[in-house]
Amino acid sequence: MGDARRQKILDTAVEHFAQWGFHASSLARIAAGCGITQGGLLHHFRSKEDLLLSVLAQSEQHDVERLFSEPAESVAAHFTTVVALAADNERRPGIVRMFHTLVGEAANPGHPAHAYFTQRYARVLDYTVGLLEAGVARGELRSDTDCEAVGREVLAVMDGLQIQWVLAPGSVDMPARLRGFLDRLLREISAAGLEPGGLAR
């Protein structure tokens, strides 16, 4: 019962943070949405800041366990996993809305999630750059590939497509658009003589 109650609080918090952001959300409303008292909520989470960071940690753990638990054997395989993540996110609209609401707020250094998002982007960029550098070392990618620039471009396109999808879900096929971009990118940076067959579907 305790685990189920805790998960219900996390799921409800996602919807509140997505709709109102962090500062305009209240523990009292989140607790009411769960059918418990604010004191009952505080039995599981010490504060609103603790609840926020728990929501973010759970979302990131889901992504890691679902899609990144095994190292990618190639850059093409990694790009295929990134497209799968986009498709997975389409089935979690609350999480995607929350992410973009909070990342905008967290640009303020005083926001409780500022450090989380700063560190998260650094982690994801480092992971992506490492995979690209491994692709260069294997001879899979061109030796002059600017791995950091490519990594930043991939993250920017992913975030940009998610913003468009959040604003008008029916008008953007996020996985298809991302697959098309990554296919073109892979053809551009693949080593001479190698013809990538396109990303797996």
Protein backbone atom coordinates (compact mmCIF):
# COMPACT_ATOMS: atom_id res chain seq x y z
CA MET A 1 0.00 0.00 0.00
CA GLY A 2 2.85 2.39 0.84
CA ASP A 3 4.54 1.88 -2.55
CA ALA A 4 1.23 2.28 -4.38
CA ARG A 5 0.47 5.49 -2.46
CA ARG A 6 3.92 6.88 -3.19
CA GLN A 7 3.53 6.13 -6.91
CA LYS A 8 0.09 7.77 -6.96
CA ILE A 9 1.62 10.92 -5.45
CA LEU A 10 4.41 10.94 -8.07
CA ASP A 11 1.94 10.45 -10.94
CA THR A 12 -0.32 13.23 -9.64
CA ALA A 13 2.64 15.55 -9.14
CA VAL A 14 3.64 15.06 -12.79
CA GLU A 15 0.25 16.37 -13.94
CA HIS A 16 0.35 19.34 -11.57
CA PHE A 17 3.92 20.33 -12.42
CA ALA A 18 3.09 19.97 -16.13
CA GLN A 19 0.04 22.24 -15.86
CA TRP A 20 1.20 24.87 -13.37
CA GLY A 21 4.96 24.53 -13.07
CA PHE A 22 6.73 24.14 -9.76
CA HIS A 23 6.03 27.43 -8.01
CA ALA A 24 2.30 27.57 -8.78
CA SER A 25 1.71 23.95 -7.76
CA SER A 26 0.84 23.27 -4.14
CA LEU A 27 1.27 20.22 -1.95
CA ALA A 28 -2.29 20.69 -0.73
CA ARG A 29 -3.73 20.39 -4.27
CA ILE A 30 -1.46 17.46 -5.13
CA ALA A 31 -2.52 15.69 -1.92
CA ALA A 32 -6.19 16.37 -2.67
CA GLY A 33 -5.71 14.90 -6.13
CA CYS A 34 -4.46 11.72 -4.47
CA GLY A 35 -7.32 11.63 -1.97
CA ILE A 36 -5.01 12.10 1.03
CA THR A 37 -4.13 14.92 3.41
CA GLN A 38 -1.08 17.13 3.01
CA GLY A 39 0.31 15.48 6.13
CA GLY A 40 -0.11 12.10 4.46
CA LEU A 41 1.83 13.33 1.45
CA LEU A 42 4.62 14.66 3.68
CA HIS A 43 4.91 11.20 5.21
CA HIS A 44 6.33 10.09 1.83
CA PHE A 45 8.10 13.29 0.69
CA ARG A 46 9.73 15.80 3.04
CA SER A 47 8.87 18.89 0.96
CA LYS A 48 7.70 20.08 -2.44
CA GLU A 49 11.35 20.27 -3.52
CA ASP A 50 11.88 16.64 -2.47
CA LEU A 51 8.77 15.63 -4.44
CA LEU A 52 9.96 17.49 -7.53
CA LEU A 53 13.40 15.89 -7.51
CA SER A 54 11.84 12.46 -6.93
CA VAL A 55 9.59 12.93 -9.97
CA LEU A 56 12.57 13.92 -12.12
CA ALA A 57 14.71 11.03 -10.86
CA GLN A 58 11.94 8.51 -11.58
CA SER A 59 11.53 9.82 -15.13
CA GLU A 60 15.25 9.58 -15.82
CA GLN A 61 15.45 6.10 -14.31
CA HIS A 62 12.63 4.99 -16.62
CA ASP A 63 14.56 6.20 -19.67
CA VAL A 64 17.79 4.51 -18.59
CA GLU A 65 16.17 1.18 -17.73
CA ARG A 66 13.88 1.16 -20.76
CA LEU A 67 16.36 2.16 -23.43
CA PHE A 68 19.93 2.71 -22.26
CA SER A 69 20.68 -0.23 -19.96
CA GLU A 70 23.01 -1.82 -22.54
CA PRO A 71 25.81 0.07 -24.33
CA ALA A 72 25.12 0.76 -28.01
CA GLU A 73 27.15 -1.37 -30.39
CA SER A 74 27.25 1.37 -33.03
CA VAL A 75 26.24 4.98 -33.60
CA ALA A 76 23.38 3.77 -35.81
CA ALA A 77 22.15 1.54 -32.97
CA HIS A 78 22.28 4.48 -30.56
CA PHE A 79 20.33 6.69 -32.97
CA THR A 80 17.72 3.93 -33.30
CA THR A 81 17.38 3.91 -29.50
CA VAL A 82 16.97 7.69 -29.47
CA VAL A 83 14.07 7.37 -31.95
CA ALA A 84 12.55 4.68 -29.70
CA LEU A 85 12.78 7.12 -26.80
CA ALA A 86 10.85 9.71 -28.82
CA ALA A 87 8.15 7.12 -29.54
CA ASP A 88 8.06 6.18 -25.86
CA ASN A 89 7.65 9.83 -24.89
CA GLU A 90 4.62 10.16 -27.17
CA ARG A 91 2.94 7.66 -24.86
CA ARG A 92 3.83 9.79 -21.80
CA PRO A 93 2.49 13.25 -22.64
CA GLY A 94 2.32 14.32 -19.00
CA ILE A 95 6.03 13.70 -18.50
CA VAL A 96 6.95 15.57 -21.69
CA ARG A 97 4.77 18.57 -20.77
CA MET A 98 6.21 18.61 -17.28
CA PHE A 99 9.77 18.45 -18.57
CA HIS A 100 9.35 21.48 -20.82
CA THR A 101 7.46 23.47 -18.21
CA LEU A 102 10.14 22.84 -15.60
CA VAL A 103 13.20 23.25 -17.81
CA GLY A 104 11.96 26.73 -18.74
CA GLU A 105 11.47 27.65 -15.09
CA ALA A 106 14.80 26.10 -14.10
CA ALA A 107 16.78 28.57 -16.21
CA ASN A 108 16.57 30.68 -13.05
CA PRO A 109 19.57 29.65 -10.90
CA GLY A 110 17.40 29.87 -7.79
CA HIS A 111 14.96 27.22 -9.01
CA PRO A 112 15.17 23.92 -7.06
CA ALA A 113 15.60 21.94 -10.31
CA HIS A 114 18.29 24.24 -11.80
CA ALA A 115 21.18 22.02 -10.71
CA TYR A 116 19.33 18.87 -11.83
CA PHE A 117 18.74 20.10 -15.37
CA THR A 118 22.23 21.59 -15.69
CA GLN A 119 23.79 18.30 -14.63
CA ARG A 120 21.35 16.24 -16.71
CA TYR A 121 22.22 18.05 -19.94
CA ALA A 122 25.93 17.67 -19.15
CA ARG A 123 25.47 13.92 -18.54
CA VAL A 124 23.46 13.35 -21.70
CA LEU A 125 25.89 15.38 -23.80
CA ASP A 126 28.91 13.55 -22.37
CA TYR A 127 27.23 10.20 -23.03
CA THR A 128 26.40 11.15 -26.62
CA VAL A 129 29.86 12.57 -27.33
CA GLY A 130 31.46 9.41 -25.92
CA LEU A 131 29.41 7.22 -28.27
CA LEU A 132 30.31 9.39 -31.25
CA GLU A 133 34.01 9.36 -30.34
CA ALA A 134 33.86 5.57 -30.09
CA GLY A 135 32.34 5.53 -33.58
CA VAL A 136 35.25 7.59 -34.87
CA ALA A 137 37.74 5.26 -33.17
CA ARG A 138 36.08 2.21 -34.79
CA GLY A 139 36.30 3.84 -38.21
CA GLU A 140 32.53 4.03 -38.35
CA LEU A 141 32.47 7.85 -38.52
CA ARG A 142 34.68 10.33 -40.35
CA SER A 143 37.87 11.18 -38.49
CA ASP A 144 37.12 14.91 -38.71
CA THR A 145 33.71 14.57 -37.02
CA ASP A 146 33.21 17.30 -34.41
CA CYS A 147 31.64 15.00 -31.85
CA GLU A 148 30.65 17.72 -29.39
CA ALA A 149 29.00 19.83 -32.08
CA VAL A 150 27.10 16.80 -33.42
CA GLY A 151 26.03 15.82 -29.91
CA ARG A 152 24.69 19.29 -29.18
CA GLU A 153 22.84 19.32 -32.51
CA VAL A 154 21.15 16.00 -31.75
CA LEU A 155 19.99 17.23 -28.33
CA ALA A 156 18.75 20.50 -29.82
CA VAL A 157 16.70 18.76 -32.51
CA MET A 158 15.22 16.33 -29.97
CA ASP A 159 14.17 19.17 -27.66
CA GLY A 160 12.88 21.29 -30.53
CA LEU A 161 10.68 18.50 -31.87
CA GLN A 162 9.35 17.81 -28.38
CA ILE A 163 8.36 21.46 -27.96
CA GLN A 164 6.50 21.41 -31.29
CA TRP A 165 4.79 18.15 -30.29
CA VAL A 166 3.77 19.47 -26.86
CA LEU A 167 2.17 22.53 -28.48
CA ALA A 168 0.36 20.59 -31.23
CA PRO A 169 0.62 16.79 -30.78
CA GLY A 170 -1.48 15.94 -33.81
CA SER A 171 0.63 17.97 -36.21
CA VAL A 172 4.06 16.45 -35.50
CA ASP A 173 5.14 12.82 -35.91
CA MET A 174 8.02 13.15 -33.49
CA PRO A 175 9.69 9.74 -34.05
CA ALA A 176 9.42 10.02 -37.85
CA ARG A 177 10.86 13.53 -37.96
CA LEU A 178 13.69 12.55 -35.61
CA ARG A 179 14.44 9.40 -37.61
CA GLY A 180 14.66 11.44 -40.81
CA PHE A 181 17.07 13.93 -39.24
CA LEU A 182 19.30 11.23 -37.72
CA ASP A 183 19.35 9.27 -40.99
CA ARG A 184 20.60 12.36 -42.84
CA LEU A 185 23.11 13.14 -40.11
CA LEU A 186 24.48 9.60 -40.12
CA ARG A 187 24.98 9.71 -43.88
CA GLU A 188 26.84 13.00 -43.52
CA ILE A 189 29.28 11.85 -40.82
CA SER A 190 29.79 8.20 -41.87
CA ALA A 191 33.33 7.29 -42.92
CA ALA A 192 34.17 7.33 -46.62
CA GLY A 193 33.17 4.10 -48.31
CA LEU A 194 30.59 3.22 -45.68
CA GLU A 195 26.95 3.47 -46.71
CA PRO A 196 24.67 3.35 -43.66
CA GLY A 197 21.54 1.38 -44.34
CA GLY A 198 19.32 3.73 -42.37
CA LEU A 199 18.00 3.43 -38.87
CA ALA A 200 16.10 0.34 -37.79
CA ARG A 201 12.33 0.75 -37.55
